Amino acid sequence: MDTPRSTHPQATQAPAAAGFFRTADGRNHLFTFILVTSLFLLWGFCNGMIDVMDKHFQQELHLTLAQSANVQWAHYLGYFLMALPAGWLATRLGYKGGIIMGLVMVAAGGFWFIAATQIAAFWSFLVGVCAIAAGLTFLETIANPYSTVLGAPQFAAARINLAQSCNGIGWIFGPIAGSLFFYSKDAAGNSTGSQTIWIPYVAVALVVLVLAVVFYFANVPDIKPEDDYHLDESNGPDAGASTRSIWTRPHFVLAVAAQFLYVAAQAGIFAFFINYMTSEVPVIPENWKTAMDTFAAHSGLLHNWLGGWIETSKAGVLAISDKGAANLASVAFICFLLGRFSGAALVKIFRPHTVLGLYGLLNVVATAVVFCKMGWLSVAAVFVSYFCMSIMFPTIFALGIFGLGERAKTASSFIVMAIMGGAVLPKLMGSIADHSGIAHSFIVPMICFAFVAVYGFSWKRLSRAQ
């Protein structure tokens, strides 16, 4: 196997003219980077709403946890079906054309929710979820690798983590929108979520149409990534058809597997966060509810948002309500966002693969604590897990496409396709939860994080980077 020119993504020796947003030719791509990061904000918001949708359908349609996981199935099925076509079109349309196509598809999926609300069947909402995910696939397949080339190669992992931080911001506001429109109630206390579920999706559709126009007129240059393994050379040391394949590079192959398992763990934890907070949290003290109600009553415009976080459960004890749990999901995503920003700084200073391995190991510990049902310590461990998950997707992505040159676009397709893990394993997690409880279902993400940790610690050997 050919040894790449650079030691690892952190140690590539770039020309003096290169910088964090400046390529070797001296061009500064800060504005383009800012424009591209708006896409990360978009799909973070959409994903955040998906993650609080399960409990809504469990209540409205009387579904089990395993059945409601079909929301995740439909979402990630869209990624699976469109990942390869998105990569193929990206090589022909370029970054700009692929992004515009993805935005138009997201808009179409958003407008479909108007019809889905009228049909009022579970399958109709799943169609909308799948359609939006198909459009997001184009954006992720293009924006993730594109963010790694908008500057010096040694800062690739740091740039994609910084861009993904905007994804974290979107994930904070997604659950808030979900709590307002999926769990809304009328003056009589009856749920109106089924009638208002379309509102945030149509708002998304209108925003992405505006973004599509902006991208149409913006300068979005095509930039070729570094070809450290000579895969693009027709007569180089790797000129043979078999050795020029991305599948001969272990650091890419195992990145696909690591991404599959990471997204599986992420999707499961995100999907059942509300169920965990409403069923596994210890009994809430009465003075907590009094303090919350008093604060909500004097909060002015925030009254509707802060009110109703704590309620009396069917067991007759104080517990976190569905609305409160949906809003706590936003708090969890703040932990996720903090992890993204701090992670972007860490992978700029330390070896990205080492940071990935360490965070994977910490998440194994956090999910083990949740599994052991240790009261408030387990509740805190869920939020720790959000923090440690933060850097995994972008770092695995950057490590997986490292050194693949023009074939990074194709490689990106397969890494995005690996997001299908989010459709498969949450159903297993839901099945375990139905039979043994939410806490015990965390054994599934615990195993997934263990693999991610091994990949991180093994990446230097897998990539043959010296």
Protein backbone atom coordinates (compact mmCIF):
# COMPACT_ATOMS: atom_id res chain seq x y z
CA MET A 1 0.00 0.00 0.00
CA ASP A 2 1.29 3.44 -0.87
CA THR A 3 2.18 5.67 2.08
CA PRO A 4 0.51 9.10 1.91
CA ARG A 5 2.65 12.19 1.77
CA SER A 6 1.19 13.59 5.00
CA THR A 7 1.45 12.11 8.45
CA HIS A 8 -2.23 12.56 9.42
CA PRO A 9 -4.89 15.24 8.84
CA GLN A 10 -3.32 17.33 11.56
CA ALA A 11 0.24 17.24 10.29
CA THR A 12 -0.03 17.87 6.55
CA GLN A 13 2.64 20.35 5.48
CA ALA A 14 0.73 22.98 3.48
CA PRO A 15 2.33 25.76 1.44
CA ALA A 16 3.02 28.98 3.27
CA ALA A 17 0.17 30.75 1.46
CA ALA A 18 -2.41 28.34 2.88
CA GLY A 19 -4.40 29.09 6.03
CA PHE A 20 -7.55 28.08 7.87
CA PHE A 21 -9.79 29.49 5.08
CA ARG A 22 -7.10 30.19 2.49
CA THR A 23 -5.98 27.61 -0.09
CA ALA A 24 -2.48 27.26 -1.52
CA ASP A 25 -3.37 29.49 -4.47
CA GLY A 26 -3.90 32.38 -2.04
CA ARG A 27 -7.71 32.58 -2.34
CA ASN A 28 -9.71 33.20 0.84
CA HIS A 29 -12.88 31.09 1.09
CA LEU A 30 -14.33 32.48 4.31
CA PHE A 31 -17.53 33.77 2.66
CA THR A 32 -18.08 30.48 0.85
CA PHE A 33 -17.52 28.61 4.12
CA ILE A 34 -20.11 30.78 5.89
CA LEU A 35 -22.60 30.13 3.10
CA VAL A 36 -22.02 26.39 3.22
CA THR A 37 -22.38 26.28 7.02
CA SER A 38 -25.94 27.59 6.62
CA LEU A 39 -26.73 24.18 5.14
CA PHE A 40 -25.48 22.50 8.31
CA LEU A 41 -27.85 24.70 10.32
CA LEU A 42 -30.71 23.64 8.04
CA TRP A 43 -30.35 19.90 8.34
CA GLY A 44 -29.64 20.18 12.06
CA PHE A 45 -33.01 21.89 12.50
CA CYS A 46 -34.79 19.24 10.42
CA ASN A 47 -33.09 16.40 12.31
CA GLY A 48 -33.93 18.05 15.62
CA MET A 49 -37.64 18.01 14.79
CA ILE A 50 -37.45 14.37 13.73
CA ASP A 51 -36.02 13.42 17.11
CA VAL A 52 -39.06 14.69 19.06
CA MET A 53 -41.64 13.33 16.62
CA ASP A 54 -41.68 9.73 17.89
CA LYS A 55 -43.56 10.38 21.14
CA HIS A 56 -46.16 12.43 19.25
CA PHE A 57 -47.06 9.44 17.05
CA GLN A 58 -46.90 7.04 20.00
CA GLN A 59 -49.68 9.06 21.64
CA GLU A 60 -51.76 10.04 18.61
CA LEU A 61 -51.64 6.65 16.87
CA HIS A 62 -51.05 4.39 19.90
CA LEU A 63 -47.79 2.98 18.55
CA THR A 64 -45.17 0.97 20.41
CA LEU A 65 -41.63 2.32 20.68
CA ALA A 66 -40.47 -0.10 18.00
CA GLN A 67 -43.28 1.02 15.66
CA SER A 68 -42.65 4.73 16.21
CA ALA A 69 -39.00 4.11 15.27
CA ASN A 70 -40.29 3.92 11.69
CA VAL A 71 -39.89 7.71 11.74
CA GLN A 72 -36.14 7.16 11.93
CA TRP A 73 -36.44 4.35 9.37
CA ALA A 74 -38.09 6.66 6.83
CA HIS A 75 -35.63 9.46 7.57
CA TYR A 76 -32.51 7.39 7.10
CA LEU A 77 -34.00 5.41 4.21
CA GLY A 78 -33.99 8.70 2.30
CA TYR A 79 -30.25 9.00 2.97
CA PHE A 80 -29.62 5.42 1.92
CA LEU A 81 -31.54 5.66 -1.35
CA MET A 82 -30.09 9.00 -2.46
CA ALA A 83 -26.48 8.83 -1.21
CA LEU A 84 -24.97 7.22 -4.33
CA PRO A 85 -27.07 9.23 -6.82
CA ALA A 86 -26.07 12.38 -4.91
CA GLY A 87 -22.38 11.49 -5.16
CA TRP A 88 -22.72 10.64 -8.85
CA LEU A 89 -24.49 13.91 -9.62
CA ALA A 90 -22.02 15.89 -7.50
CA THR A 91 -19.18 14.78 -9.76
CA ARG A 92 -21.15 16.00 -12.81
CA LEU A 93 -22.99 19.06 -11.50
CA GLY A 94 -20.23 20.25 -9.20
CA TYR A 95 -20.71 21.48 -5.66
CA LYS A 96 -23.02 24.33 -6.63
CA GLY A 97 -25.43 22.35 -8.81
CA GLY A 98 -25.69 19.55 -6.25
CA ILE A 99 -26.47 21.95 -3.42
CA ILE A 100 -29.24 23.69 -5.39
CA MET A 101 -30.81 20.35 -6.34
CA GLY A 102 -30.77 19.25 -2.70
CA LEU A 103 -32.42 22.48 -1.54
CA VAL A 104 -35.24 22.12 -4.08
CA MET A 105 -35.88 18.54 -2.92
CA VAL A 106 -36.04 19.64 0.73
CA ALA A 107 -38.58 22.32 -0.22
CA ALA A 108 -40.75 19.75 -2.01
CA GLY A 109 -40.70 17.51 1.06
CA GLY A 110 -41.63 20.42 3.32
CA PHE A 111 -44.64 21.39 1.23
CA TRP A 112 -45.78 17.74 1.18
CA PHE A 113 -46.56 18.03 4.91
CA ILE A 114 -49.60 20.16 4.03
CA ALA A 115 -51.07 17.19 2.19
CA ALA A 116 -49.88 14.76 4.87
CA THR A 117 -51.79 16.70 7.54
CA GLN A 118 -54.98 16.36 5.48
CA ILE A 119 -54.42 12.65 4.84
CA ALA A 120 -53.68 12.19 8.56
CA ALA A 121 -52.14 8.71 8.12
CA PHE A 122 -48.80 7.58 9.54
CA TRP A 123 -47.49 6.60 6.10
CA SER A 124 -48.15 10.08 4.69
CA PHE A 125 -45.93 11.70 7.29
CA LEU A 126 -43.25 9.07 6.69
CA VAL A 127 -43.28 9.99 2.98
CA GLY A 128 -42.60 13.62 3.88
CA VAL A 129 -39.82 12.65 6.28
CA CYS A 130 -38.21 10.46 3.61
CA ALA A 131 -38.49 13.16 0.92
CA ILE A 132 -36.82 15.80 3.08
CA ALA A 133 -34.06 13.34 4.01
CA ALA A 134 -33.45 12.63 0.31
CA GLY A 135 -32.81 16.33 -0.26
CA LEU A 136 -30.63 16.58 2.83
CA THR A 137 -28.57 13.70 1.42
CA PHE A 138 -27.44 15.91 -1.45
CA LEU A 139 -26.49 18.65 0.97
CA GLU A 140 -24.56 16.36 3.32
CA THR A 141 -22.82 14.47 0.51
CA ILE A 142 -21.53 17.76 -0.89
CA ALA A 143 -21.20 20.13 2.07
CA ASN A 144 -19.25 17.78 4.34
CA PRO A 145 -16.31 17.14 1.97
CA TYR A 146 -16.53 20.68 0.58
CA SER A 147 -15.94 22.17 4.02
CA THR A 148 -12.71 20.16 4.30
CA VAL A 149 -11.16 21.74 1.17
CA LEU A 150 -11.97 25.41 1.86
CA GLY A 151 -8.51 26.10 3.25
CA ALA A 152 -5.27 24.39 4.24
CA PRO A 153 -5.53 20.58 4.38
CA GLN A 154 -4.04 20.31 7.88
CA PHE A 155 -7.15 22.06 9.25
CA ALA A 156 -9.66 19.85 7.38
CA ALA A 157 -10.97 18.08 10.50
CA ALA A 158 -11.15 21.38 12.40
CA ARG A 159 -13.11 23.08 9.58
CA ILE A 160 -15.69 20.31 9.27
CA ASN A 161 -16.14 20.27 13.05
CA LEU A 162 -16.62 24.05 13.02
CA ALA A 163 -19.17 23.78 10.20
CA GLN A 164 -20.94 20.96 12.02
CA SER A 165 -21.24 23.27 15.04
CA CYS A 166 -23.94 25.10 13.07
CA ASN A 167 -25.60 21.72 12.71
CA GLY A 168 -25.65 21.65 16.51
CA ILE A 169 -27.34 25.07 16.64
CA GLY A 170 -30.08 23.78 14.35
CA TRP A 171 -30.52 20.75 16.57
CA ILE A 172 -31.19 23.04 19.55
CA PHE A 173 -34.05 24.89 17.85
CA GLY A 174 -35.54 21.82 16.14
CA PRO A 175 -36.88 20.27 19.36
CA ILE A 176 -38.21 23.68 20.47
CA ALA A 177 -40.22 23.93 17.25
CA GLY A 178 -41.33 20.34 17.76
CA SER A 179 -42.51 21.01 21.31
CA LEU A 180 -44.52 24.05 20.15
CA PHE A 181 -46.24 22.43 17.16
CA PHE A 182 -46.20 18.65 17.81
CA TYR A 183 -47.32 18.89 21.45
CA SER A 184 -49.52 21.98 21.27
CA LYS A 185 -52.85 22.01 23.16
CA ASP A 186 -56.01 24.10 22.94
CA ALA A 187 -57.66 25.97 25.80
CA ALA A 188 -59.44 22.78 26.89
CA GLY A 189 -56.16 20.89 27.14
CA ASN A 190 -56.76 18.77 24.04
CA SER A 191 -53.84 18.01 21.74
CA THR A 192 -53.74 19.99 18.49
CA GLY A 193 -50.40 18.65 17.29
CA SER A 194 -51.93 16.70 14.42
CA GLN A 195 -53.34 19.93 12.95
CA THR A 196 -50.18 22.06 13.36
CA ILE A 197 -47.41 19.58 12.51
CA TRP A 198 -47.12 21.01 8.98
CA ILE A 199 -46.28 24.58 10.03
CA PRO A 200 -42.54 24.24 10.80
CA TYR A 201 -41.98 22.13 7.68
CA VAL A 202 -43.57 24.66 5.36
CA ALA A 203 -41.44 27.35 7.03
CA VAL A 204 -38.36 25.23 6.24
CA ALA A 205 -39.50 24.88 2.63
CA LEU A 206 -39.76 28.65 2.20
CA VAL A 207 -36.34 29.25 3.76
CA VAL A 208 -34.57 26.70 1.55
CA LEU A 209 -36.07 28.21 -1.61
CA VAL A 210 -34.49 31.52 -0.61
CA LEU A 211 -31.19 29.71 0.02
CA ALA A 212 -31.39 28.09 -3.41
CA VAL A 213 -31.62 31.54 -5.04
CA VAL A 214 -28.66 32.79 -2.97
CA PHE A 215 -26.51 29.80 -3.99
CA TYR A 216 -27.49 30.27 -7.65
CA PHE A 217 -25.94 33.74 -7.71
CA ALA A 218 -23.06 33.02 -5.30
CA ASN A 219 -19.50 32.06 -6.23
CA VAL A 220 -19.08 28.41 -5.21
CA PRO A 221 -15.78 27.25 -6.76
CA ASP A 222 -14.92 23.59 -7.32
CA ILE A 223 -11.76 22.74 -5.38
CA LYS A 224 -9.95 19.45 -5.86
CA PRO A 225 -8.89 17.68 -2.63
CA GLU A 226 -5.37 16.37 -2.02
CA ASP A 227 -4.67 13.02 -3.73
CA ASP A 228 -2.26 11.57 -1.16
CA TYR A 229 -2.72 7.99 -2.37
CA HIS A 230 -2.32 8.85 -6.10
CA LEU A 231 -5.79 7.45 -6.83
CA ASP A 232 -6.40 10.05 -9.54
CA GLU A 233 -3.19 9.32 -11.43
CA SER A 234 -3.53 7.15 -14.53
CA ASN A 235 0.11 6.10 -14.61
CA GLY A 236 1.29 6.58 -11.04
CA PRO A 237 2.38 3.93 -8.54
CA ASP A 238 -1.27 3.00 -7.95
CA ALA A 239 -2.23 2.91 -11.61
CA GLY A 240 -3.86 -0.52 -11.47
CA ALA A 241 -7.66 -0.50 -11.50
CA SER A 242 -7.92 -2.55 -8.30
CA THR A 243 -5.35 -0.59 -6.29
CA ARG A 244 -6.87 2.73 -7.33
CA SER A 245 -10.18 1.75 -5.72
CA ILE A 246 -11.18 3.56 -2.54
CA TRP A 247 -12.15 0.16 -1.14
CA THR A 248 -8.48 -0.79 -0.91
CA ARG A 249 -7.99 1.91 1.75
CA PRO A 250 -8.77 0.46 5.21
CA HIS A 251 -9.13 3.89 6.81
CA PHE A 252 -12.03 4.58 4.42
CA VAL A 253 -13.67 1.14 4.63
CA LEU A 254 -13.77 1.16 8.41
CA ALA A 255 -14.91 4.79 8.39
CA VAL A 256 -18.06 3.59 6.60
CA ALA A 257 -18.60 0.96 9.30
CA ALA A 258 -17.83 3.43 12.10
CA GLN A 259 -20.24 5.99 10.66
CA PHE A 260 -22.97 3.34 10.33
CA LEU A 261 -22.64 2.42 14.01
CA TYR A 262 -22.18 5.98 15.24
CA VAL A 263 -25.34 7.24 13.50
CA ALA A 264 -27.17 4.16 14.78
CA ALA A 265 -26.20 5.07 18.34
CA GLN A 266 -26.99 8.75 17.82
CA ALA A 267 -30.39 8.10 16.24
CA GLY A 268 -31.40 5.69 18.99
CA ILE A 269 -30.45 8.04 21.81
CA PHE A 270 -32.05 11.04 20.12
CA ALA A 271 -35.24 9.15 19.23
CA PHE A 272 -35.89 7.79 22.72
CA PHE A 273 -34.63 10.77 24.72
CA ILE A 274 -38.20 11.90 25.50
CA ASN A 275 -39.23 8.38 26.51
CA TYR A 276 -36.22 8.15 28.81
CA MET A 277 -36.88 11.51 30.46
CA THR A 278 -40.57 10.76 31.03
CA SER A 279 -40.10 7.22 32.36
CA GLU A 280 -36.64 6.77 33.89
CA VAL A 281 -36.05 10.07 35.69
CA PRO A 282 -36.48 9.76 39.49
CA VAL A 283 -39.57 11.25 41.15
CA ILE A 284 -39.56 15.06 40.92
CA PRO A 285 -39.74 16.87 44.32
CA GLU A 286 -42.86 18.99 44.86
CA ASN A 287 -40.83 22.15 45.45
CA TRP A 288 -39.28 21.78 41.97
CA LYS A 289 -42.72 21.95 40.37
CA THR A 290 -43.71 24.92 42.53
CA ALA A 291 -40.55 26.78 41.56
CA MET A 292 -41.01 26.00 37.87
CA ASP A 293 -44.68 27.07 37.86
CA THR A 294 -43.84 30.30 39.69
CA PHE A 295 -41.03 31.11 37.30
CA ALA A 296 -43.22 30.34 34.27
CA ALA A 297 -46.01 32.57 35.61
CA HIS A 298 -43.64 35.55 35.76
CA SER A 299 -41.77 34.86 32.53
CA GLY A 300 -43.91 36.99 30.23
CA LEU A 301 -43.58 35.91 26.61
CA LEU A 302 -41.85 32.68 27.68
CA HIS A 303 -44.85 31.54 29.74
CA ASN A 304 -46.20 29.15 27.10
CA TRP A 305 -42.80 27.61 26.57
CA LEU A 306 -41.84 27.21 30.25
CA GLY A 307 -45.25 26.13 31.54
CA GLY A 308 -46.17 22.45 31.86
CA TRP A 309 -42.68 20.94 32.07
CA ILE A 310 -43.65 18.89 35.15
CA GLU A 311 -46.93 17.00 35.59
CA THR A 312 -48.48 14.21 37.64
CA SER A 313 -47.85 10.88 35.91
CA LYS A 314 -50.26 7.95 35.61
CA ALA A 315 -48.50 6.46 38.64
CA GLY A 316 -49.56 9.49 40.67
CA VAL A 317 -46.10 10.98 41.12
CA LEU A 318 -44.50 14.11 39.70
CA ALA A 319 -42.60 13.47 36.48
CA ILE A 320 -41.30 15.33 33.44
CA SER A 321 -44.05 15.88 30.85
CA ASP A 322 -43.69 15.18 27.13
CA LYS A 323 -43.41 18.92 26.50
CA GLY A 324 -40.81 19.28 29.23
CA ALA A 325 -38.81 16.37 27.84
CA ALA A 326 -38.95 17.86 24.33
CA ASN A 327 -37.55 21.11 25.69
CA LEU A 328 -34.91 19.22 27.68
CA ALA A 329 -33.85 17.78 24.33
CA SER A 330 -32.86 21.33 23.41
CA VAL A 331 -30.76 21.48 26.59
CA ALA A 332 -29.12 18.21 25.55
CA PHE A 333 -28.37 19.70 22.15
CA ILE A 334 -26.74 22.67 23.86
CA CYS A 335 -24.36 20.09 25.37
CA PHE A 336 -23.96 18.69 21.86
CA LEU A 337 -23.19 22.17 20.50
CA LEU A 338 -20.66 22.89 23.24
CA GLY A 339 -18.99 19.62 22.36
CA ARG A 340 -18.86 20.64 18.69
CA PHE A 341 -17.24 24.01 19.36
CA SER A 342 -14.75 22.66 21.87
CA GLY A 343 -14.11 19.66 19.63
CA ALA A 344 -13.31 21.92 16.69
CA ALA A 345 -10.62 23.52 18.85
CA LEU A 346 -9.30 20.19 20.14
CA VAL A 347 -8.85 18.59 16.72
CA LYS A 348 -6.97 21.68 15.61
CA ILE A 349 -4.47 21.16 18.45
CA PHE A 350 -4.40 17.38 18.92
CA ARG A 351 -4.51 14.44 16.50
CA PRO A 352 -8.17 14.12 15.39
CA HIS A 353 -8.14 10.32 15.46
CA THR A 354 -6.90 10.31 19.07
CA VAL A 355 -9.62 12.75 20.14
CA LEU A 356 -12.20 10.55 18.38
CA GLY A 357 -10.97 7.44 20.19
CA LEU A 358 -11.06 9.19 23.57
CA TYR A 359 -14.59 10.56 23.06
CA GLY A 360 -15.75 7.12 21.92
CA LEU A 361 -14.36 5.57 25.10
CA LEU A 362 -16.01 8.22 27.28
CA ASN A 363 -19.33 7.48 25.61
CA VAL A 364 -18.97 3.78 26.33
CA VAL A 365 -18.70 4.70 30.01
CA ALA A 366 -21.64 7.17 29.83
CA THR A 367 -24.02 4.68 28.19
CA ALA A 368 -22.93 1.97 30.65
CA VAL A 369 -23.95 4.28 33.51
CA VAL A 370 -27.37 4.81 31.86
CA PHE A 371 -27.74 1.04 31.41
CA CYS A 372 -27.07 0.46 35.13
CA LYS A 373 -30.01 2.73 36.15
CA MET A 374 -28.15 4.82 38.71
CA GLY A 375 -30.80 7.50 39.24
CA TRP A 376 -29.82 11.12 38.65
CA LEU A 377 -26.27 10.03 37.79
CA SER A 378 -27.69 8.12 34.81
CA VAL A 379 -29.75 11.17 33.81
CA ALA A 380 -26.58 13.27 33.84
CA ALA A 381 -24.80 10.57 31.82
CA VAL A 382 -27.32 11.03 28.99
CA PHE A 383 -26.26 14.68 28.67
CA VAL A 384 -22.59 13.67 28.86
CA SER A 385 -23.26 11.29 25.98
CA TYR A 386 -24.62 14.16 23.87
CA PHE A 387 -21.44 16.13 24.56
CA CYS A 388 -19.16 13.24 23.61
CA MET A 389 -21.14 12.36 20.47
CA SER A 390 -20.63 15.86 19.11
CA ILE A 391 -17.36 15.44 17.23
CA MET A 392 -17.93 11.90 15.97
CA PHE A 393 -19.75 12.39 12.68
CA PRO A 394 -17.52 15.15 11.23
CA THR A 395 -14.29 13.61 12.51
CA ILE A 396 -15.10 10.15 11.14
CA PHE A 397 -16.01 11.85 7.86
CA ALA A 398 -12.74 13.78 7.65
CA LEU A 399 -10.65 10.74 8.58
CA GLY A 400 -12.52 8.53 6.10
CA ILE A 401 -12.01 10.73 3.02
CA PHE A 402 -8.47 11.75 3.97
CA GLY A 403 -6.07 11.63 1.03
CA LEU A 404 -8.57 10.27 -1.53
CA GLY A 405 -8.32 13.17 -4.00
CA GLU A 406 -11.16 13.54 -6.50
CA ARG A 407 -12.55 10.21 -5.29
CA ALA A 408 -13.46 11.91 -2.02
CA LYS A 409 -16.83 12.78 -3.60
CA THR A 410 -17.54 9.10 -4.26
CA ALA A 411 -16.23 8.15 -0.83
CA SER A 412 -18.51 10.78 0.71
CA SER A 413 -21.49 9.07 -0.89
CA PHE A 414 -20.74 5.81 0.86
CA ILE A 415 -20.06 7.48 4.19
CA VAL A 416 -23.38 9.34 3.90
CA MET A 417 -25.07 6.08 2.88
CA ALA A 418 -23.78 4.61 6.13
CA ILE A 419 -26.24 6.95 7.86
CA MET A 420 -28.68 4.08 7.19
CA GLY A 421 -27.50 2.77 10.54
CA GLY A 422 -29.88 5.29 12.02
CA ALA A 423 -32.79 3.41 10.43
CA VAL A 424 -31.79 -0.10 11.46
CA LEU A 425 -30.56 -0.16 15.04
CA PRO A 426 -33.08 2.22 16.67
CA LYS A 427 -35.75 -0.40 15.90
CA LEU A 428 -33.62 -2.93 17.82
CA MET A 429 -33.20 -0.42 20.62
CA GLY A 430 -36.97 0.18 20.63
CA SER A 431 -37.66 -3.54 20.77
CA ILE A 432 -35.35 -3.95 23.78
CA ALA A 433 -37.01 -0.92 25.41
CA ASP A 434 -40.49 -2.42 24.89
CA HIS A 435 -39.44 -5.61 26.70
CA SER A 436 -36.80 -4.50 29.23
CA GLY A 437 -37.09 -0.73 29.60
CA ILE A 438 -35.45 2.30 28.02
CA ALA A 439 -32.36 2.20 30.24
CA HIS A 440 -31.40 -1.34 29.22
CA SER A 441 -31.78 -0.46 25.54
CA PHE A 442 -28.67 1.73 25.90
CA ILE A 443 -26.57 -1.41 25.52
CA VAL A 444 -27.00 -0.94 21.76
CA PRO A 445 -25.29 2.49 21.53
CA MET A 446 -22.69 1.32 24.06
CA ILE A 447 -21.50 -1.39 21.63
CA CYS A 448 -21.57 1.10 18.74
CA PHE A 449 -19.42 3.62 20.59
CA ALA A 450 -16.91 0.89 21.43
CA PHE A 451 -16.33 0.32 17.70
CA VAL A 452 -15.94 4.06 17.08
CA ALA A 453 -13.31 4.22 19.83
CA VAL A 454 -11.37 1.34 18.28
CA TYR A 455 -11.49 3.02 14.86
CA GLY A 456 -10.16 6.28 16.28
CA PHE A 457 -7.27 4.67 18.11
CA SER A 458 -6.44 2.45 15.07
CA TRP A 459 -6.70 5.12 12.35
CA LYS A 460 -2.98 5.89 12.08
CA ARG A 461 -2.19 2.23 11.41
CA LEU A 462 -5.14 1.84 9.02
CA SER A 463 -4.18 4.89 6.95
CA ARG A 464 -0.45 4.04 6.94
CA ALA A 465 0.19 7.69 7.75
CA GLN A 466 3.58 8.02 9.39
